[in-house]
């Protein structure tokens, strides 16, 4: 089975591929280009990454709280 066939057969990988394509399209629409490693220094890239991870941690915390509320029957 080729890599492409494996991706198509796996719903998680297919979803990730679709998300990457959507994010790339959003970036192109917003910035007119794809990611360029030369746009920022290594430290700047790490700071951008850290900010995104903080946002992700906030989103994960919201989902955890909602799931806990559902489990406890409070909402």
PDB file of N, CA and C in Angstrom:
ATOM      1  N   UNK A   1       0.851  -1.181   0.000  1.00  0.00           N
ATOM      2  CA  UNK A   1       0.000   0.000   0.000  1.00  0.00           C
ATOM      3  C   UNK A   1       0.896   1.244   0.000  1.00  0.00           C
ATOM      4  N   UNK A   2       0.611   2.180  -0.890  1.00  0.00           N
ATOM      5  CA  UNK A   2       1.404   3.402  -0.965  1.00  0.00           C
ATOM      6  C   UNK A   2       1.083   4.312   0.220  1.00  0.00           C
ATOM      7  N   UNK A   3       1.925   5.311   0.415  1.00  0.00           N
ATOM      8  CA  UNK A   3       1.692   6.285   1.479  1.00  0.00           C
ATOM      9  C   UNK A   3       0.351   6.995   1.256  1.00  0.00           C
ATOM     10  N   UNK A   4       0.081   7.376   0.023  1.00  0.00           N
ATOM     11  CA  UNK A   4      -1.176   8.057  -0.282  1.00  0.00           C
ATOM     12  C   UNK A   4      -2.371   7.174   0.047  1.00  0.00           C
ATOM     13  N   UNK A   5      -2.282   5.876  -0.276  1.00  0.00           N
ATOM     14  CA  UNK A   5      -3.366   4.946   0.031  1.00  0.00           C
ATOM     15  C   UNK A   5      -3.539   4.772   1.538  1.00  0.00           C
ATOM     16  N   UNK A   6      -2.426   4.757   2.261  1.00  0.00           N
ATOM     17  CA  UNK A   6      -2.484   4.621   3.715  1.00  0.00           C
ATOM     18  C   UNK A   6      -3.148   5.845   4.349  1.00  0.00           C
ATOM     19  N   UNK A   7      -2.808   7.013   3.826  1.00  0.00           N
ATOM     20  CA  UNK A   7      -3.422   8.240   4.337  1.00  0.00           C
ATOM     21  C   UNK A   7      -4.923   8.220   4.071  1.00  0.00           C
ATOM     22  N   UNK A   8      -5.314   7.851   2.855  1.00  0.00           N
ATOM     23  CA  UNK A   8      -6.737   7.813   2.514  1.00  0.00           C
ATOM     24  C   UNK A   8      -7.494   6.775   3.334  1.00  0.00           C
ATOM     25  N   UNK A   9      -6.827   5.684   3.708  1.00  0.00           N
ATOM     26  CA  UNK A   9      -7.473   4.611   4.465  1.00  0.00           C
ATOM     27  C   UNK A   9      -7.580   4.935   5.955  1.00  0.00           C
ATOM     28  N   UNK A  10      -6.808   5.889   6.421  1.00  0.00           N
ATOM     29  CA  UNK A  10      -6.777   6.207   7.845  1.00  0.00           C
ATOM     30  C   UNK A  10      -7.514   7.522   8.077  1.00  0.00           C
ATOM     31  N   UNK A  11      -8.655   7.496   8.781  1.00  0.00           N
ATOM     32  CA  UNK A  11      -9.431   8.728   8.945  1.00  0.00           C
ATOM     33  C   UNK A  11      -8.695   9.818   9.722  1.00  0.00           C
ATOM     34  N   UNK A  12      -7.827   9.439  10.648  1.00  0.00           N
ATOM     35  CA  UNK A  12      -7.067  10.447  11.404  1.00  0.00           C
ATOM     36  C   UNK A  12      -6.074  11.144  10.478  1.00  0.00           C
ATOM     37  N   UNK A  13      -5.331  10.371   9.700  1.00  0.00           N
ATOM     38  CA  UNK A  13      -4.361  10.968   8.777  1.00  0.00           C
ATOM     39  C   UNK A  13      -5.048  11.781   7.690  1.00  0.00           C
ATOM     40  N   UNK A  14      -6.189  11.285   7.210  1.00  0.00           N
ATOM     41  CA  UNK A  14      -6.944  12.017   6.190  1.00  0.00           C
ATOM     42  C   UNK A  14      -7.418  13.356   6.760  1.00  0.00           C
ATOM     43  N   UNK A  15      -7.891  13.349   8.004  1.00  0.00           N
ATOM     44  CA  UNK A  15      -8.332  14.588   8.642  1.00  0.00           C
ATOM     45  C   UNK A  15      -7.167  15.554   8.822  1.00  0.00           C
ATOM     46  N   UNK A  16      -6.018  15.043   9.252  1.00  0.00           N
ATOM     47  CA  UNK A  16      -4.843  15.898   9.428  1.00  0.00           C
ATOM     48  C   UNK A  16      -4.400  16.499   8.090  1.00  0.00           C
ATOM     49  N   UNK A  17      -4.435  15.694   7.039  1.00  0.00           N
ATOM     50  CA  UNK A  17      -4.066  16.192   5.719  1.00  0.00           C
ATOM     51  C   UNK A  17      -5.026  17.304   5.285  1.00  0.00           C
ATOM     52  N   UNK A  18      -6.314  17.095   5.516  1.00  0.00           N
ATOM     53  CA  UNK A  18      -7.306  18.122   5.172  1.00  0.00           C
ATOM     54  C   UNK A  18      -7.086  19.395   5.977  1.00  0.00           C
ATOM     55  N   UNK A  19      -6.799  19.248   7.271  1.00  0.00           N
ATOM     56  CA  UNK A  19      -6.541  20.425   8.110  1.00  0.00           C
ATOM     57  C   UNK A  19      -5.323  21.201   7.633  1.00  0.00           C
ATOM     58  N   UNK A  20      -4.267  20.482   7.269  1.00  0.00           N
ATOM     59  CA  UNK A  20      -3.065  21.149   6.756  1.00  0.00           C
ATOM     60  C   UNK A  20      -3.380  21.919   5.478  1.00  0.00           C
ATOM     61  N   UNK A  21      -4.158  21.305   4.596  1.00  0.00           N
ATOM     62  CA  UNK A  21      -4.517  21.980   3.349  1.00  0.00           C
ATOM     63  C   UNK A  21      -5.373  23.212   3.620  1.00  0.00           C
ATOM     64  N   UNK A  22      -6.314  23.108   4.568  1.00  0.00           N
ATOM     65  CA  UNK A  22      -7.155  24.265   4.914  1.00  0.00           C
ATOM     66  C   UNK A  22      -6.335  25.390   5.531  1.00  0.00           C
ATOM     67  N   UNK A  23      -5.425  25.048   6.449  1.00  0.00           N
ATOM     68  CA  UNK A  23      -4.578  26.063   7.081  1.00  0.00           C
ATOM     69  C   UNK A  23      -3.668  26.732   6.052  1.00  0.00           C
ATOM     70  N   UNK A  24      -3.163  25.945   5.120  1.00  0.00           N
ATOM     71  CA  UNK A  24      -2.314  26.495   4.064  1.00  0.00           C
ATOM     72  C   UNK A  24      -3.110  27.477   3.210  1.00  0.00           C
ATOM     73  N   UNK A  25      -4.333  27.110   2.876  1.00  0.00           N
ATOM     74  CA  UNK A  25      -5.190  28.001   2.082  1.00  0.00           C
ATOM     75  C   UNK A  25      -5.494  29.282   2.850  1.00  0.00           C
ATOM     76  N   UNK A  26      -5.773  29.169   4.158  1.00  0.00           N
ATOM     77  CA  UNK A  26      -6.020  30.363   4.976  1.00  0.00           C
ATOM     78  C   UNK A  26      -4.788  31.263   5.006  1.00  0.00           C
ATOM     79  N   UNK A  27      -3.618  30.670   5.168  1.00  0.00           N
ATOM     80  CA  UNK A  27      -2.386  31.448   5.195  1.00  0.00           C
ATOM     81  C   UNK A  27      -2.125  32.149   3.873  1.00  0.00           C
ATOM     82  N   UNK A  28      -2.371  31.436   2.780  1.00  0.00           N
ATOM     83  CA  UNK A  28      -2.197  32.047   1.461  1.00  0.00           C
ATOM     84  C   UNK A  28      -3.166  33.213   1.261  1.00  0.00           C
ATOM     85  N   UNK A  29      -4.411  33.022   1.694  1.00  0.00           N
ATOM     86  CA  UNK A  29      -5.411  34.087   1.545  1.00  0.00           C
ATOM     87  C   UNK A  29      -5.048  35.295   2.406  1.00  0.00           C
ATOM     88  N   UNK A  30      -4.546  35.046   3.605  1.00  0.00           N
ATOM     89  CA  UNK A  30      -4.253  36.136   4.535  1.00  0.00           C
ATOM     90  C   UNK A  30      -2.923  36.824   4.219  1.00  0.00           C
ATOM     91  N   UNK A  31      -1.877  36.032   3.917  1.00  0.00           N
ATOM     92  CA  UNK A  31      -0.531  36.583   3.772  1.00  0.00           C
ATOM     93  C   UNK A  31      -0.006  36.562   2.339  1.00  0.00           C
ATOM     94  N   UNK A  32      -0.698  35.850   1.451  1.00  0.00           N
ATOM     95  CA  UNK A  32      -0.275  35.792   0.062  1.00  0.00           C
ATOM     96  C   UNK A  32       0.924  34.886  -0.195  1.00  0.00           C
ATOM     97  N   UNK A  33       1.310  34.111   0.802  1.00  0.00           N
ATOM     98  CA  UNK A  33       2.460  33.223   0.648  1.00  0.00           C
ATOM     99  C   UNK A  33       2.370  32.094   1.669  1.00  0.00           C
ATOM    100  N   UNK A  34       3.189  31.074   1.482  1.00  0.00           N
ATOM    101  CA  UNK A  34       3.275  30.003   2.454  1.00  0.00           C
ATOM    102  C   UNK A  34       4.363  30.336   3.467  1.00  0.00           C
ATOM    103  N   UNK A  35       4.572  29.463   4.418  1.00  0.00           N
ATOM    104  CA  UNK A  35       5.587  29.677   5.457  1.00  0.00           C
ATOM    105  C   UNK A  35       6.971  29.751   4.822  1.00  0.00           C
ATOM    106  N   UNK A  36       7.709  30.770   5.208  1.00  0.00           N
ATOM    107  CA  UNK A  36       9.084  30.941   4.736  1.00  0.00           C
ATOM    108  C   UNK A  36       9.998  30.974   5.955  1.00  0.00           C
ATOM    109  N   UNK A  37      10.881  30.003   6.105  1.00  0.00           N
ATOM    110  CA  UNK A  37      11.765  29.973   7.272  1.00  0.00           C
ATOM    111  C   UNK A  37      12.595  31.240   7.455  1.00  0.00           C
ATOM    112  N   UNK A  38      12.799  31.984   6.379  1.00  0.00           N
ATOM    113  CA  UNK A  38      13.625  33.181   6.465  1.00  0.00           C
ATOM    114  C   UNK A  38      12.847  34.413   6.961  1.00  0.00           C
ATOM    115  N   UNK A  39      11.533  34.257   7.137  1.00  0.00           N
ATOM    116  CA  UNK A  39      10.716  35.389   7.583  1.00  0.00           C
ATOM    117  C   UNK A  39      11.014  35.809   9.017  1.00  0.00           C
ATOM    118  N   UNK A  40      11.493  34.868   9.834  1.00  0.00           N
ATOM    119  CA  UNK A  40      11.745  35.157  11.245  1.00  0.00           C
ATOM    120  C   UNK A  40      13.029  34.466  11.686  1.00  0.00           C
ATOM    121  N   UNK A  41      13.584  34.970  12.764  1.00  0.00           N
ATOM    122  CA  UNK A  41      14.748  34.308  13.354  1.00  0.00           C
ATOM    123  C   UNK A  41      14.276  33.039  14.069  1.00  0.00           C
ATOM    124  N   UNK A  42      15.206  32.209  14.445  1.00  0.00           N
ATOM    125  CA  UNK A  42      14.861  30.985  15.178  1.00  0.00           C
ATOM    126  C   UNK A  42      14.140  31.317  16.468  1.00  0.00           C
ATOM    127  N   UNK A  43      14.609  32.314  17.173  1.00  0.00           N
ATOM    128  CA  UNK A  43      13.952  32.713  18.421  1.00  0.00           C
ATOM    129  C   UNK A  43      12.531  33.208  18.149  1.00  0.00           C
ATOM    130  N   UNK A  44      12.342  33.987  17.103  1.00  0.00           N
ATOM    131  CA  UNK A  44      10.998  34.465  16.769  1.00  0.00           C
ATOM    132  C   UNK A  44      10.065  33.306  16.430  1.00  0.00           C
ATOM    133  N   UNK A  45      10.579  32.315  15.666  1.00  0.00           N
ATOM    134  CA  UNK A  45       9.762  31.138  15.355  1.00  0.00           C
ATOM    135  C   UNK A  45       9.374  30.406  16.630  1.00  0.00           C
ATOM    136  N   UNK A  46      10.304  30.275  17.555  1.00  0.00           N
ATOM    137  CA  UNK A  46      10.000  29.599  18.820  1.00  0.00           C
ATOM    138  C   UNK A  46       8.973  30.379  19.640  1.00  0.00           C
ATOM    139  N   UNK A  47       9.045  31.693  19.592  1.00  0.00           N
ATOM    140  CA  UNK A  47       8.058  32.504  20.299  1.00  0.00           C
ATOM    141  C   UNK A  47       6.670  32.340  19.680  1.00  0.00           C
ATOM    142  N   UNK A  48       6.599  32.318  18.349  1.00  0.00           N
ATOM    143  CA  UNK A  48       5.319  32.071  17.666  1.00  0.00           C
ATOM    144  C   UNK A  48       4.775  30.700  18.068  1.00  0.00           C
ATOM    145  N   UNK A  49       5.644  29.711  18.066  1.00  0.00           N
ATOM    146  CA  UNK A  49       5.247  28.353  18.439  1.00  0.00           C
ATOM    147  C   UNK A  49       4.709  28.333  19.874  1.00  0.00           C
ATOM    148  N   UNK A  50       5.421  28.987  20.783  1.00  0.00           N
ATOM    149  CA  UNK A  50       5.009  29.024  22.181  1.00  0.00           C
ATOM    150  C   UNK A  50       3.623  29.659  22.314  1.00  0.00           C
ATOM    151  N   UNK A  51       3.387  30.751  21.587  1.00  0.00           N
ATOM    152  CA  UNK A  51       2.076  31.406  21.632  1.00  0.00           C
ATOM    153  C   UNK A  51       0.974  30.468  21.143  1.00  0.00           C
ATOM    154  N   UNK A  52       1.246  29.744  20.062  1.00  0.00           N
ATOM    155  CA  UNK A  52       0.259  28.799  19.532  1.00  0.00           C
ATOM    156  C   UNK A  52      -0.004  27.671  20.521  1.00  0.00           C
ATOM    157  N   UNK A  53       1.037  27.205  21.202  1.00  0.00           N
ATOM    158  CA  UNK A  53       0.873  26.127  22.173  1.00  0.00           C
ATOM    159  C   UNK A  53       0.085  26.597  23.394  1.00  0.00           C
ATOM    160  N   UNK A  54       0.277  27.850  23.792  1.00  0.00           N
ATOM    161  CA  UNK A  54      -0.507  28.408  24.889  1.00  0.00           C
ATOM    162  C   UNK A  54      -1.980  28.451  24.489  1.00  0.00           C
ATOM    163  N   UNK A  55      -2.263  28.907  23.273  1.00  0.00           N
ATOM    164  CA  UNK A  55      -3.643  28.906  22.783  1.00  0.00           C
ATOM    165  C   UNK A  55      -4.203  27.489  22.806  1.00  0.00           C
ATOM    166  N   UNK A  56      -3.415  26.523  22.349  1.00  0.00           N
ATOM    167  CA  UNK A  56      -3.856  25.132  22.341  1.00  0.00           C
ATOM    168  C   UNK A  56      -4.145  24.624  23.741  1.00  0.00           C
ATOM    169  N   UNK A  57      -3.321  25.008  24.707  1.00  0.00           N
ATOM    170  CA  UNK A  57      -3.551  24.583  26.091  1.00  0.00           C
ATOM    171  C   UNK A  57      -4.847  25.186  26.629  1.00  0.00           C
ATOM    172  N   UNK A  58      -5.141  26.420  26.266  1.00  0.00           N
ATOM    173  CA  UNK A  58      -6.398  27.050  26.675  1.00  0.00           C
ATOM    174  C   UNK A  58      -7.579  26.278  26.083  1.00  0.00           C
ATOM    175  N   UNK A  59      -7.510  25.965  24.788  1.00  0.00           N
ATOM    176  CA  UNK A  59      -8.600  25.229  24.140  1.00  0.00           C
ATOM    177  C   UNK A  59      -8.776  23.860  24.778  1.00  0.00           C
ATOM    178  N   UNK A  60      -7.671  23.163  25.063  1.00  0.00           N
ATOM    179  CA  UNK A  60      -7.747  21.845  25.692  1.00  0.00           C
ATOM    180  C   UNK A  60      -8.384  21.948  27.073  1.00  0.00           C
ATOM    181  N   UNK A  61      -8.059  22.984  27.820  1.00  0.00           N
ATOM    182  CA  UNK A  61      -8.630  23.176  29.147  1.00  0.00           C
ATOM    183  C   UNK A  61     -10.139  23.389  29.064  1.00  0.00           C
ATOM    184  N   UNK A  62     -10.586  24.158  28.096  1.00  0.00           N
ATOM    185  CA  UNK A  62     -12.028  24.378  27.912  1.00  0.00           C
ATOM    186  C   UNK A  62     -12.722  23.044  27.624  1.00  0.00           C
ATOM    187  N   UNK A  63     -12.156  22.246  26.738  1.00  0.00           N
ATOM    188  CA  UNK A  63     -12.769  20.962  26.386  1.00  0.00           C
ATOM    189  C   UNK A  63     -12.780  20.028  27.595  1.00  0.00           C
ATOM    190  N   UNK A  64     -11.687  19.989  28.350  1.00  0.00           N
ATOM    191  CA  UNK A  64     -11.633  19.167  29.560  1.00  0.00           C
ATOM    192  C   UNK A  64     -12.734  19.579  30.527  1.00  0.00           C
ATOM    193  N   UNK A  65     -12.881  20.869  30.744  1.00  0.00           N
ATOM    194  CA  UNK A  65     -13.914  21.352  31.664  1.00  0.00           C
ATOM    195  C   UNK A  65     -15.307  20.969  31.177  1.00  0.00           C
ATOM    196  N   UNK A  66     -15.558  21.117  29.887  1.00  0.00           N
ATOM    197  CA  UNK A  66     -16.861  20.747  29.336  1.00  0.00           C
ATOM    198  C   UNK A  66     -17.119  19.252  29.494  1.00  0.00           C
ATOM    199  N   UNK A  67     -16.115  18.423  29.233  1.00  0.00           N
ATOM    200  CA  UNK A  67     -16.278  16.975  29.391  1.00  0.00           C
ATOM    201  C   UNK A  67     -16.507  16.597  30.845  1.00  0.00           C
ATOM    202  N   UNK A  68     -15.783  17.261  31.746  1.00  0.00           N
ATOM    203  CA  UNK A  68     -15.980  17.000  33.174  1.00  0.00           C
ATOM    204  C   UNK A  68     -17.391  17.391  33.609  1.00  0.00           C
ATOM    205  N   UNK A  69     -17.886  18.516  33.110  1.00  0.00           N
ATOM    206  CA  UNK A  69     -19.249  18.942  33.415  1.00  0.00           C
ATOM    207  C   UNK A  69     -20.258  17.923  32.906  1.00  0.00           C
ATOM    208  N   UNK A  70     -20.035  17.412  31.695  1.00  0.00           N
ATOM    209  CA  UNK A  70     -20.927  16.403  31.132  1.00  0.00           C
ATOM    210  C   UNK A  70     -20.884  15.120  31.962  1.00  0.00           C
ATOM    211  N   UNK A  71     -19.690  14.716  32.361  1.00  0.00           N
ATOM    212  CA  UNK A  71     -19.543  13.497  33.184  1.00  0.00           C
ATOM    213  C   UNK A  71     -20.239  13.644  34.520  1.00  0.00           C
ATOM    214  N   UNK A  72     -20.141  14.825  35.101  1.00  0.00           N
ATOM    215  CA  UNK A  72     -20.724  15.068  36.431  1.00  0.00           C
ATOM    216  C   UNK A  72     -22.187  15.470  36.343  1.00  0.00           C
ATOM    217  N   UNK A  73     -22.699  15.603  35.121  1.00  0.00           N
ATOM    218  CA  UNK A  73     -24.109  15.948  34.931  1.00  0.00           C
ATOM    219  C   UNK A  73     -24.455  17.368  35.309  1.00  0.00           C
ATOM    220  N   UNK A  74     -23.443  18.265  35.276  1.00  0.00           N
ATOM    221  CA  UNK A  74     -23.719  19.648  35.667  1.00  0.00           C
ATOM    222  C   UNK A  74     -24.118  20.520  34.494  1.00  0.00           C
ATOM    223  N   UNK A  75     -23.918  20.057  33.263  1.00  0.00           N
ATOM    224  CA  UNK A  75     -24.346  20.833  32.091  1.00  0.00           C
ATOM    225  C   UNK A  75     -24.675  19.946  30.953  1.00  0.00           C
TER     226      UNK A  75
END
